[in-house]
Each structure stands twice: as structure tokens, then as C-alpha cells.
Amino acid sequence: MAQFELVLPKMGESVAEATVTNWLKKVGDPIEAEESVLEIATDKVDSEVPSPVSGVLAQILVEENAVAEVGQVIAVIETEGTVESAGAATTPAQEVAAPAAAQAAVAELEGQVAAATQTATSNEPITKNSNGRFYSPLVRSMAKQEGMTQGELDALPGSGKDGRVTKADVVAYLESGRKAAPAPAKNETATAPTAAAAPSVSAAPKTSTPPAIKLGEGDEIIEMDRMRKLIADHMVNSVQTSPHVTSFVEADLTKVVKWREKVKNAFQSKYGEKITFTPIFMEAIVRAIQDFPMINVSVSGDKIIRHKNINVGMAAALPSGNLIVPVIKNADQLSLLGLTKAVNDLANRARNNALKPDEISGGTYTLTNVGTFGNVLGTPIINQPQVAIMAAGAIVKKPAVVETPEGDVIAIRHKMFLSHSYDHRVVDGALGGMFVRRVADYLEQWDPERAI
């Protein structure tokens, strides 16, 4: 019997270590090639580690809740016959495909929630190293989720190696009763500026505890999955971080609708791609961003970061019903055909849980098409750390006044509402309103004779 050393694979340029959260196999269990052996957690993503070879799990070298470095041997697998050298044999594991779309969405949302939470509150962030002690990604994530402070974590006795705090330590601490009640402190911190600015508001309740819900007969309690919890946190943090303002414009898409109807069959025949309205909307958004580059920014403290690249995210539905936002990088460098291919590719792989982590990160502006659900308009929440997002409503036939050389006439037109939500800290109503109006102008000025 030969022995194969299973190493922690490389998971991204910025990921140097991971916490082993769950061994899916026990010592003595048979393993098939490409079968998942364990689950790991990093600051960016939770994923499974498959085995490149078939065999029997002979030894586990890194226990659950322990931290391993990329390239470190975490298990030994006994195989029949000979195996390649560890360096060559582990290459497939290190080159393992990125996690599925739902795991990728969790990666992106975890980073966004952490950034938004740090901006929205004055609470001290949980650091990787503090007071001479290292905290794993899993422990830091749990501490943030439970509202623990750095001081609470530093004071917690650790049962792990070298006194490290483990998941079990955090759970035991929470179950036994905490030394501090972080929720009221957080609320008082959050409400302090309001009280200082308007003393008359001080009589308002300081807590935001939701009212108890009385269950009725037949009611069902459904536990949120991890991704839904992260989405919920991300949305709440976005509203707490950015003062949202939404501007609306109704655009006449008659030229666009008729042009697409005329060319869609030829377009698919020539390029093998279905042309939808989404890449057309994206093209107009990109042109408007070039006209108004201060929409393509992020906020860092009291500084504004203006992004050079125009990376447009598009909301897409996952099979689970959750939403994910894959990003088209450098969208300003793509033609309408290039945007169409990118939109179709990302949408298809989102439906098949085949997106990679870097394909859902780095967005600088987001488009969501609520019209696909038959909604005429929506008020989208900003995808932090961006400062604006646009929703395209359903295209509806309406009677409208049309100016002609012979005078005004009433005609049937294809109309659509565009909703533009923006961060009023850095985007004023004039800029936000002009931007959405410019997007509508580009759509209304569509060339009906445009070649494909």
C-alpha cells in the first residue's frame, strides 16, 4: 500500500490558511477520487476539499476547528499501487475548481458584510491577532455574528493548541451567559449621534428588539440557510451605512424593442447567442458612467475612491431562490456582442452553480432587472461598497403623446421605468437624477438601423 499526502489546496491569491470545520470521512473510511473529504472555512469562502486519489483515509493530521496553512499536509490516504510524488500529485488538489455559486456568494457577502458592519458601527473590529493570540476565521466570524467585542474574545479562555480559542469555547461562552450585553451597547452607540443632533429624540426607545411573534396553528418555522442570513445582514448593513435616495425615470424603449425583434434571429444565427435586453441596458449604463464617473466610486471613511475600471454586476437567481451578483469586469471595453456573451455565460453558470469566487467580486456598479418578475419598478438596495444601483422594470405597452412634424399624436409605445438608488453621502440628487436620465436618453436614442 502506498501513502498519499493530502494537502490544503490553494484557494485564492489572498488566502494563506483555513480552518477545518468538519471531516466528512473518518479514519478507515474508503474514499473515491474527487470525493470530498473535509469542509474548510476561510475569511472569503466555505468549501469542501476533494481527494485527487482513491483509497482509504489512514490518518487525520489536522483536527476540526484547527487552522492549517495552504500546502500543509492535513491527511494521509492509503492507496493501492504507487502514487506520484507529493508535489506533482497535489497539483490537481491545488488547482481544484472554485466553489459553487452559492459558496461564492457567501464569500462575497461575508467580505461585504464585514466591510459594511465596520463602516456602519463604531464597534471595534475583531482582529486576526490580538493580545498575542491568533483567532481563526471561523472564530472571528462567530464573534462578529454574535456581536462579541475584541475584549470579550481576548478574555475568553482557549482550549485549543497554545491556548487558541475554538468554536466550542465560543459556543460554551455564549451558552453560559456573557459577561457583557453587546446588543444594548451597539444600539446606544448607533443612536448616540441622533441624540446629540436632536435631543428631542432622546425619549425614543433605545432598543430595537423586534416584537415577539405569536405562532398560530399550522405555522411553520423555517431556519434561514447561511447564505440567506448573510444576504439579510448585507441588506441591513447597507441601509445603515448609506442614506438611500431613489430617482425614477420612465424611458421610451420602442426603438430598442423593435430593433431587437428585428435582429434577434439573425443575431443568434450569426453568433450563437440570444440577445436579451440586459446587455443593451448595460451598454447604456456604461456610457452614462463614462459621462458621470463619480457614480463609479466607493467610500472609505471620509475619502472617496474613484474606480478606473467599470465593473458592472448583474443580479441573477440561483436554483435555491437566493440571488447572486456576478460581475462583468471592464465592461467599457466590451462591444454589445461581448456584453451579450458575458451576460449569457454568467447567467447560465449562476443557474448551474458554476461561478468562481472572483466572478462575483470587484463590482463597481450593479444592475438588477426586476422586470423579469413582471414588476414595473423597484427600489433596490445598494450593493456595498458601491454607491449606486439601478433597477430596470418591465417593458409595458402604453398610450403616449408623441411629437411629430405634423403635431402631437397619441401612439402605443413601449415604456419602462428605471429606478436609481444611490448613496446620498457622496451622490447628490442632481448627479443621481442626471445619471438615470442619461441612461434613459441613450436607450431612447437607439439607432434602429444599427448593424449586428
Protein backbone atom coordinates (compact mmCIF):
# COMPACT_ATOMS: atom_id res chain seq x y z
CA MET A 1 0.00 0.00 0.00
CA ALA A 2 1.29 3.43 -0.93
CA GLN A 3 0.56 6.58 1.02
CA PHE A 4 -0.68 9.83 -0.46
CA GLU A 5 -0.38 13.10 1.45
CA LEU A 6 -3.46 15.27 1.12
CA VAL A 7 -2.56 18.95 1.42
CA LEU A 8 -4.70 22.03 1.95
CA PRO A 9 -5.20 23.32 -1.61
CA LYS A 10 -4.65 26.86 -2.78
CA MET A 11 -7.96 28.77 -2.71
CA GLY A 12 -7.01 32.23 -3.94
CA GLU A 13 -4.17 34.67 -4.06
CA SER A 14 -5.00 36.27 -0.70
CA VAL A 15 -5.87 33.07 1.19
CA ALA A 16 -2.98 31.63 3.19
CA GLU A 17 -4.82 29.46 5.70
CA ALA A 18 -8.16 27.88 6.53
CA THR A 19 -9.99 26.38 9.49
CA VAL A 20 -11.03 22.74 9.29
CA THR A 21 -14.71 22.83 10.21
CA ASN A 22 -15.83 19.26 9.54
CA TRP A 23 -14.27 15.97 8.47
CA LEU A 24 -16.66 14.22 6.11
CA LYS A 25 -14.65 10.99 6.37
CA LYS A 26 -13.34 9.08 9.37
CA VAL A 27 -10.12 7.12 9.66
CA GLY A 28 -10.67 3.81 7.89
CA ASP A 29 -13.35 5.13 5.52
CA PRO A 30 -12.92 4.44 1.80
CA ILE A 31 -12.52 7.47 -0.48
CA GLU A 32 -13.17 7.75 -4.21
CA ALA A 33 -11.17 10.08 -6.42
CA GLU A 34 -12.65 13.60 -6.45
CA GLU A 35 -14.84 12.75 -3.43
CA SER A 36 -14.98 15.43 -0.75
CA VAL A 37 -13.04 14.55 2.39
CA LEU A 38 -13.48 17.60 4.63
CA GLU A 39 -15.02 21.05 4.88
CA ILE A 40 -12.97 24.18 5.48
CA ALA A 41 -13.70 27.83 6.20
CA THR A 42 -11.68 30.93 5.32
CA ASP A 43 -12.33 34.65 5.53
CA LYS A 44 -13.58 34.51 1.95
CA VAL A 45 -15.39 31.23 1.39
CA ASP A 46 -16.54 27.95 2.87
CA SER A 47 -15.78 24.96 0.68
CA GLU A 48 -15.03 21.25 0.53
CA VAL A 49 -11.68 19.63 -0.19
CA PRO A 50 -11.79 16.62 -2.53
CA SER A 51 -9.27 13.83 -2.72
CA PRO A 52 -7.33 13.56 -6.02
CA VAL A 53 -6.90 9.81 -5.46
CA SER A 54 -8.92 6.77 -4.41
CA GLY A 55 -8.01 4.92 -1.26
CA VAL A 56 -8.64 4.68 2.47
CA LEU A 57 -8.28 7.53 4.95
CA ALA A 58 -5.37 6.38 7.10
CA GLN A 59 -4.60 9.41 9.23
CA ILE A 60 -6.08 12.83 10.07
CA LEU A 61 -3.34 15.35 10.83
CA VAL A 62 -5.44 18.48 11.44
CA GLU A 63 -8.35 18.20 13.81
CA GLU A 64 -11.67 20.04 13.49
CA ASN A 65 -11.55 23.74 14.43
CA ALA A 66 -7.78 23.77 13.94
CA VAL A 67 -6.10 26.07 11.41
CA ALA A 68 -3.97 24.77 8.55
CA GLU A 69 -1.81 26.65 6.09
CA VAL A 70 -2.08 26.31 2.33
CA GLY A 71 0.19 23.45 1.23
CA GLN A 72 0.22 21.84 4.69
CA VAL A 73 -0.40 18.09 4.86
CA ILE A 74 -3.79 17.59 6.52
CA ALA A 75 -4.38 13.86 6.00
CA VAL A 76 -2.79 10.66 4.75
CA ILE A 77 -4.61 8.38 2.31
CA GLU A 78 -3.53 4.81 1.67
CA THR A 79 -3.74 3.84 -1.99
CA GLU A 80 -3.13 0.68 -3.94
CA GLY A 81 -0.01 0.64 -6.05
CA THR A 82 2.25 3.66 -6.36
CA VAL A 83 1.40 7.30 -6.47
CA GLU A 84 3.19 10.28 -7.89
CA SER A 85 5.39 12.47 -5.72
CA ALA A 86 3.59 14.71 -3.29
CA GLY A 87 4.42 17.83 -5.23
CA ALA A 88 3.14 16.50 -8.54
CA ALA A 89 0.24 14.59 -7.04
CA THR A 90 -1.06 17.51 -5.08
CA THR A 91 -1.18 19.83 -8.04
CA PRO A 92 -4.73 18.73 -9.01
CA ALA A 93 -5.88 19.42 -5.47
CA GLN A 94 -4.25 22.84 -5.54
CA GLU A 95 -5.85 23.54 -8.85
CA VAL A 96 -9.25 22.30 -7.73
CA ALA A 97 -12.19 24.11 -9.25
CA ALA A 98 -13.57 27.06 -7.34
CA PRO A 99 -16.59 26.56 -5.07
CA ALA A 100 -20.10 26.54 -6.47
CA ALA A 101 -22.14 29.71 -6.89
CA ALA A 102 -23.82 29.57 -3.52
CA GLN A 103 -20.43 29.21 -1.79
CA ALA A 104 -19.04 32.01 -3.95
CA ALA A 105 -21.96 34.22 -2.96
CA VAL A 106 -21.24 33.52 0.69
CA ALA A 107 -17.60 34.55 0.08
CA GLU A 108 -18.55 37.86 -1.47
CA LEU A 109 -21.26 38.60 1.07
CA GLU A 110 -19.00 37.80 4.03
CA GLY A 111 -16.48 40.36 2.82
CA GLN A 112 -19.19 42.92 2.09
CA VAL A 113 -20.95 42.36 5.43
CA ALA A 114 -17.67 42.77 7.30
CA ALA A 115 -16.84 45.97 5.42
CA ALA A 116 -20.33 47.39 5.82
CA THR A 117 -20.50 46.49 9.51
CA GLN A 118 -17.16 48.12 10.20
CA THR A 119 -18.31 51.28 8.44
CA ALA A 120 -21.80 51.35 9.91
CA THR A 121 -20.82 50.92 13.54
CA SER A 122 -18.11 52.25 15.76
CA ASN A 123 -17.59 48.85 17.37
CA GLU A 124 -14.04 47.60 17.47
CA PRO A 125 -13.46 45.03 14.70
CA ILE A 126 -12.39 41.51 15.57
CA THR A 127 -8.75 41.23 14.54
CA LYS A 128 -6.83 38.21 13.39
CA ASN A 129 -4.13 38.61 16.03
CA SER A 130 -4.75 40.31 19.36
CA ASN A 131 -3.04 40.30 22.72
CA GLY A 132 -0.54 37.73 21.49
CA ARG A 133 -3.26 35.29 20.43
CA PHE A 134 -4.32 34.13 16.95
CA TYR A 135 -8.03 33.83 16.08
CA SER A 136 -9.17 31.55 13.26
CA PRO A 137 -11.57 32.78 10.52
CA LEU A 138 -14.34 30.61 11.99
CA VAL A 139 -13.95 32.06 15.50
CA ARG A 140 -13.79 35.63 14.18
CA SER A 141 -16.88 35.04 12.08
CA MET A 142 -18.81 33.64 15.06
CA ALA A 143 -17.70 36.53 17.27
CA LYS A 144 -18.85 39.09 14.71
CA GLN A 145 -22.16 37.34 14.21
CA GLU A 146 -22.82 37.26 17.96
CA GLY A 147 -21.74 40.87 18.45
CA MET A 148 -18.78 40.00 20.66
CA THR A 149 -16.15 42.64 21.26
CA GLN A 150 -12.40 42.19 20.91
CA GLY A 151 -12.10 42.46 24.67
CA GLU A 152 -14.58 39.65 25.24
CA LEU A 153 -12.69 37.41 22.84
CA ASP A 154 -9.30 38.24 24.37
CA ALA A 155 -10.62 37.39 27.85
CA LEU A 156 -12.04 34.06 26.75
CA PRO A 157 -10.02 31.00 27.92
CA GLY A 158 -8.89 28.91 24.99
CA SER A 159 -8.88 25.11 25.00
CA GLY A 160 -7.09 24.74 21.67
CA LYS A 161 -3.42 24.35 20.92
CA ASP A 162 -1.28 27.07 22.51
CA GLY A 163 -4.39 28.44 24.21
CA ARG A 164 -6.25 29.17 20.98
CA VAL A 165 -9.95 29.86 21.21
CA THR A 166 -12.01 27.21 19.41
CA LYS A 167 -15.57 27.08 18.15
CA ALA A 168 -16.51 25.03 21.23
CA ASP A 169 -15.07 27.73 23.51
CA VAL A 170 -17.20 30.42 21.88
CA VAL A 171 -20.34 28.26 21.99
CA ALA A 172 -19.76 27.41 25.67
CA TYR A 173 -19.23 31.08 26.47
CA LEU A 174 -22.43 32.12 24.75
CA GLU A 175 -24.48 29.33 26.31
CA SER A 176 -23.20 30.01 29.83
CA GLY A 177 -24.11 33.68 29.75
CA ARG A 178 -21.92 36.51 28.56
CA LYS A 179 -20.08 38.99 30.74
CA ALA A 180 -21.32 41.87 28.64
CA ALA A 181 -24.57 42.59 26.81
CA PRO A 182 -23.36 43.84 23.41
CA ALA A 183 -26.76 44.46 21.87
CA PRO A 184 -27.74 47.47 24.05
CA ALA A 185 -24.22 48.87 23.71
CA LYS A 186 -24.47 48.65 19.93
CA ASN A 187 -27.85 50.33 19.90
CA GLU A 188 -26.66 53.10 22.22
CA THR A 189 -23.64 53.65 20.01
CA ALA A 190 -25.77 53.76 16.93
CA THR A 191 -28.31 56.16 18.42
CA ALA A 192 -25.81 58.48 20.09
CA PRO A 193 -25.25 60.74 17.04
CA THR A 194 -29.00 61.11 16.60
CA ALA A 195 -29.49 62.03 20.24
CA ALA A 196 -26.68 64.58 20.04
CA ALA A 197 -28.02 66.16 16.90
CA ALA A 198 -31.64 66.18 18.07
CA PRO A 199 -32.08 66.00 21.85
CA SER A 200 -35.85 65.81 21.47
CA VAL A 201 -35.45 62.28 20.10
CA SER A 202 -33.86 61.05 23.33
CA ALA A 203 -37.22 59.85 24.58
CA ALA A 204 -37.37 57.26 21.79
CA PRO A 205 -36.70 53.64 22.79
CA LYS A 206 -33.02 52.73 22.75
CA THR A 207 -33.56 49.11 21.84
CA SER A 208 -34.69 47.69 18.55
CA THR A 209 -35.77 44.30 19.79
CA PRO A 210 -38.43 43.02 17.41
CA PRO A 211 -41.80 42.16 18.94
CA ALA A 212 -42.43 38.54 19.79
CA ILE A 213 -44.31 36.67 17.09
CA LYS A 214 -47.24 34.59 18.22
CA LEU A 215 -47.39 31.35 16.32
CA GLY A 216 -50.71 30.21 15.01
CA GLU A 217 -51.90 26.71 14.32
CA GLY A 218 -50.22 25.32 11.23
CA ASP A 219 -47.46 27.97 11.18
CA GLU A 220 -44.10 26.66 10.04
CA ILE A 221 -40.73 27.80 11.33
CA ILE A 222 -38.09 27.77 8.59
CA GLU A 223 -34.46 28.19 9.57
CA MET A 224 -32.58 30.59 7.31
CA ASP A 225 -29.70 28.97 5.48
CA ARG A 226 -26.29 30.56 5.89
CA MET A 227 -26.43 32.41 2.59
CA ARG A 228 -29.83 33.91 3.38
CA LYS A 229 -28.52 35.10 6.77
CA LEU A 230 -25.58 36.77 5.05
CA ILE A 231 -27.86 38.40 2.48
CA ALA A 232 -30.07 39.69 5.29
CA ASP A 233 -27.08 41.10 7.17
CA HIS A 234 -25.72 42.65 3.98
CA MET A 235 -29.01 44.40 3.24
CA VAL A 236 -29.41 45.73 6.78
CA ASN A 237 -25.82 46.93 6.88
CA SER A 238 -26.21 48.64 3.52
CA VAL A 239 -29.22 50.62 4.72
CA GLN A 240 -27.41 51.50 7.94
CA THR A 241 -24.29 52.55 6.05
CA SER A 242 -25.73 54.53 3.15
CA PRO A 243 -28.57 57.07 3.25
CA HIS A 244 -30.55 55.80 0.28
CA VAL A 245 -32.23 58.09 -2.24
CA THR A 246 -34.03 56.75 -5.32
CA SER A 247 -34.74 58.64 -8.54
CA PHE A 248 -37.12 57.36 -11.23
CA VAL A 249 -37.29 57.91 -14.98
CA GLU A 250 -39.72 56.43 -17.49
CA ALA A 251 -37.92 55.60 -20.72
CA ASP A 252 -39.41 55.01 -24.17
CA LEU A 253 -37.88 51.76 -25.39
CA THR A 254 -39.88 51.47 -28.59
CA LYS A 255 -36.79 51.73 -30.82
CA VAL A 256 -34.90 49.20 -28.73
CA VAL A 257 -37.80 46.72 -28.68
CA LYS A 258 -38.39 46.91 -32.41
CA TRP A 259 -34.66 46.66 -33.21
CA ARG A 260 -34.21 43.59 -31.01
CA GLU A 261 -37.28 41.93 -32.51
CA LYS A 262 -35.87 42.56 -35.97
CA VAL A 263 -32.34 41.25 -35.35
CA LYS A 264 -32.69 38.58 -32.64
CA ASN A 265 -32.93 35.60 -35.01
CA ALA A 266 -30.08 36.80 -37.21
CA PHE A 267 -28.01 37.62 -34.13
CA GLN A 268 -28.40 34.10 -32.75
CA SER A 269 -27.76 32.54 -36.13
CA LYS A 270 -24.59 34.57 -36.63
CA TYR A 271 -23.11 34.45 -33.15
CA GLY A 272 -24.86 31.54 -31.45
CA GLU A 273 -26.06 33.84 -28.66
CA LYS A 274 -29.52 35.03 -27.67
CA ILE A 275 -29.60 38.79 -27.30
CA THR A 276 -31.67 39.94 -24.34
CA PHE A 277 -32.37 43.43 -23.06
CA THR A 278 -29.82 43.14 -20.24
CA PRO A 279 -26.66 43.75 -22.32
CA ILE A 280 -28.44 46.66 -24.01
CA PHE A 281 -29.19 48.19 -20.61
CA MET A 282 -25.59 47.56 -19.55
CA GLU A 283 -24.21 49.31 -22.60
CA ALA A 284 -26.28 52.40 -21.79
CA ILE A 285 -25.17 52.28 -18.13
CA VAL A 286 -21.50 52.04 -19.11
CA ARG A 287 -21.81 55.04 -21.42
CA ALA A 288 -23.53 57.02 -18.67
CA ILE A 289 -20.79 56.08 -16.17
CA GLN A 290 -18.23 57.42 -18.63
CA ASP A 291 -20.20 60.67 -18.69
CA PHE A 292 -20.58 60.74 -14.88
CA PRO A 293 -17.53 58.96 -13.39
CA MET A 294 -18.40 59.99 -9.82
CA ILE A 295 -21.09 57.30 -9.89
CA ASN A 296 -18.32 54.71 -10.21
CA VAL A 297 -16.93 55.27 -6.71
CA SER A 298 -16.73 53.82 -3.21
CA VAL A 299 -16.46 55.44 0.21
CA SER A 300 -13.65 54.71 2.68
CA GLY A 301 -14.09 56.74 5.85
CA ASP A 302 -14.02 60.36 4.74
CA LYS A 303 -12.33 59.55 1.44
CA ILE A 304 -13.89 58.83 -1.97
CA ILE A 305 -12.28 56.17 -4.13
CA ARG A 306 -12.97 56.70 -7.83
CA HIS A 307 -12.57 53.44 -9.70
CA LYS A 308 -10.76 53.35 -13.01
CA ASN A 309 -12.34 50.10 -14.13
CA ILE A 310 -16.05 49.88 -14.86
CA ASN A 311 -17.16 46.51 -13.48
CA VAL A 312 -20.90 46.03 -13.77
CA GLY A 313 -22.63 43.45 -11.58
CA MET A 314 -25.93 41.87 -12.58
CA ALA A 315 -28.31 40.25 -10.15
CA ALA A 316 -29.03 36.62 -11.08
CA ALA A 317 -31.18 33.97 -9.43
CA LEU A 318 -29.70 30.78 -8.02
CA PRO A 319 -31.53 27.42 -8.07
CA SER A 320 -32.04 27.85 -4.30
CA GLY A 321 -34.02 31.04 -4.92
CA ASN A 322 -31.30 33.24 -3.45
CA LEU A 323 -29.73 35.96 -5.56
CA ILE A 324 -26.12 36.30 -6.61
CA VAL A 325 -24.38 39.17 -8.38
CA PRO A 326 -21.79 38.03 -10.93
CA VAL A 327 -19.64 40.85 -12.28
CA ILE A 328 -18.67 41.73 -15.84
CA LYS A 329 -15.17 43.14 -15.48
CA ASN A 330 -14.06 46.05 -17.68
CA ALA A 331 -17.50 46.28 -19.25
CA ASP A 332 -16.49 49.50 -21.01
CA GLN A 333 -14.04 47.51 -23.15
CA LEU A 334 -16.72 45.15 -24.48
CA SER A 335 -18.90 45.55 -27.54
CA LEU A 336 -22.60 44.74 -27.46
CA LEU A 337 -21.70 41.24 -28.65
CA GLY A 338 -19.10 40.93 -25.89
CA LEU A 339 -21.59 42.09 -23.26
CA THR A 340 -24.18 39.64 -24.60
CA LYS A 341 -21.76 36.72 -24.38
CA ALA A 342 -20.67 37.72 -20.88
CA VAL A 343 -24.25 38.15 -19.63
CA ASN A 344 -25.38 34.81 -21.06
CA ASP A 345 -22.33 32.96 -19.77
CA LEU A 346 -22.58 34.30 -16.22
CA ALA A 347 -26.35 33.80 -16.06
CA ASN A 348 -26.07 30.19 -17.27
CA ARG A 349 -23.30 29.33 -14.84
CA ALA A 350 -25.17 31.01 -11.99
CA ARG A 351 -28.12 28.70 -12.66
CA ASN A 352 -25.76 25.72 -12.67
CA ASN A 353 -23.83 26.69 -9.51
CA ALA A 354 -20.64 27.00 -11.52
CA LEU A 355 -19.48 30.55 -10.79
CA LYS A 356 -16.00 31.21 -9.42
CA PRO A 357 -15.32 33.49 -6.43
CA ASP A 358 -13.53 36.15 -8.47
CA GLU A 359 -16.54 36.37 -10.78
CA ILE A 360 -18.76 37.75 -8.01
CA SER A 361 -16.28 40.26 -6.60
CA GLY A 362 -14.90 43.62 -7.65
CA GLY A 363 -18.13 45.19 -8.91
CA THR A 364 -18.30 49.00 -9.06
CA TYR A 365 -21.94 49.35 -10.15
CA THR A 366 -24.91 46.96 -10.20
CA LEU A 367 -27.93 46.40 -12.45
CA THR A 368 -30.95 44.39 -11.34
CA ASN A 369 -33.72 43.58 -13.78
CA VAL A 370 -36.92 43.43 -11.74
CA GLY A 371 -38.89 43.40 -14.98
CA THR A 372 -38.13 39.70 -15.36
CA PHE A 373 -40.59 39.13 -12.49
CA GLY A 374 -43.25 41.33 -14.07
CA ASN A 375 -42.53 44.27 -11.75
CA VAL A 376 -42.84 47.71 -13.31
CA LEU A 377 -40.36 49.30 -10.89
CA GLY A 378 -38.42 48.70 -7.71
CA THR A 379 -36.30 50.50 -5.13
CA PRO A 380 -33.11 48.41 -4.95
CA ILE A 381 -30.70 48.45 -2.01
CA ILE A 382 -27.12 49.44 -2.77
CA ASN A 383 -24.64 46.59 -3.08
CA GLN A 384 -21.89 47.74 -0.69
CA PRO A 385 -19.23 49.03 -1.06
CA GLN A 386 -20.68 50.50 -4.25
CA VAL A 387 -22.65 53.75 -4.07
CA ALA A 388 -25.39 53.16 -6.63
CA ILE A 389 -27.60 50.51 -8.20
CA MET A 390 -30.19 50.58 -10.98
CA ALA A 391 -33.35 48.54 -11.38
CA ALA A 392 -34.93 48.04 -14.79
CA GLY A 393 -38.67 47.43 -14.70
CA ALA A 394 -40.94 45.52 -17.04
CA ILE A 395 -41.37 46.89 -20.56
CA VAL A 396 -45.06 47.72 -20.95
CA LYS A 397 -47.08 48.99 -23.91
CA LYS A 398 -48.73 52.33 -23.09
CA PRO A 399 -50.54 55.11 -24.92
CA ALA A 400 -48.24 58.14 -25.01
CA VAL A 401 -48.04 61.57 -26.58
CA VAL A 402 -45.53 61.55 -29.42
CA GLU A 403 -44.22 64.68 -31.09
CA THR A 404 -44.23 64.58 -34.90
CA PRO A 405 -43.61 67.22 -37.60
CA GLU A 406 -47.38 67.35 -38.08
CA GLY A 407 -48.01 67.85 -34.36
CA ASP A 408 -48.56 65.77 -31.26
CA VAL A 409 -50.25 62.41 -31.63
CA ILE A 410 -51.19 59.61 -29.24
CA ALA A 411 -49.45 56.34 -30.07
CA ILE A 412 -48.72 52.97 -28.48
CA ARG A 413 -45.17 52.99 -27.09
CA HIS A 414 -43.01 50.53 -25.19
CA LYS A 415 -42.28 52.13 -21.83
CA MET A 416 -40.05 51.10 -18.93
CA PHE A 417 -39.25 52.62 -15.53
CA LEU A 418 -35.63 52.91 -14.42
CA SER A 419 -35.06 53.20 -10.66
CA HIS A 420 -31.72 54.55 -9.50
CA SER A 421 -30.83 54.16 -5.78
CA TYR A 422 -27.71 55.99 -4.64
CA ASP A 423 -25.70 56.84 -1.55
CA HIS A 424 -26.60 60.40 -0.59
CA ARG A 425 -23.34 60.81 1.31
CA VAL A 426 -21.45 61.20 -1.96
CA VAL A 427 -24.09 61.25 -4.71
CA ASP A 428 -26.37 64.27 -4.61
CA GLY A 429 -29.83 64.33 -6.15
CA ALA A 430 -28.59 66.26 -9.17
CA LEU A 431 -25.91 63.70 -10.04
CA GLY A 432 -28.13 60.72 -9.25
CA GLY A 433 -31.01 62.13 -11.24
CA MET A 434 -28.90 63.19 -14.22
CA PHE A 435 -27.27 59.78 -14.35
CA VAL A 436 -30.51 57.81 -14.63
CA ARG A 437 -31.83 60.35 -17.12
CA ARG A 438 -28.70 59.89 -19.24
CA VAL A 439 -29.16 56.11 -19.24
CA ALA A 440 -32.75 56.61 -20.45
CA ASP A 441 -31.54 59.05 -23.13
CA TYR A 442 -29.10 56.52 -24.55
CA LEU A 443 -31.85 53.91 -24.71
CA GLU A 444 -34.31 56.31 -26.33
CA GLN A 445 -31.72 57.43 -28.87
CA TRP A 446 -31.11 53.87 -30.04
CA ASP A 447 -30.25 53.58 -33.74
CA PRO A 448 -33.00 51.45 -35.31
CA GLU A 449 -30.64 50.68 -38.21
CA ARG A 450 -27.75 49.54 -36.04
CA ALA A 451 -25.85 46.65 -37.58
CA ILE A 452 -25.28 43.48 -35.60
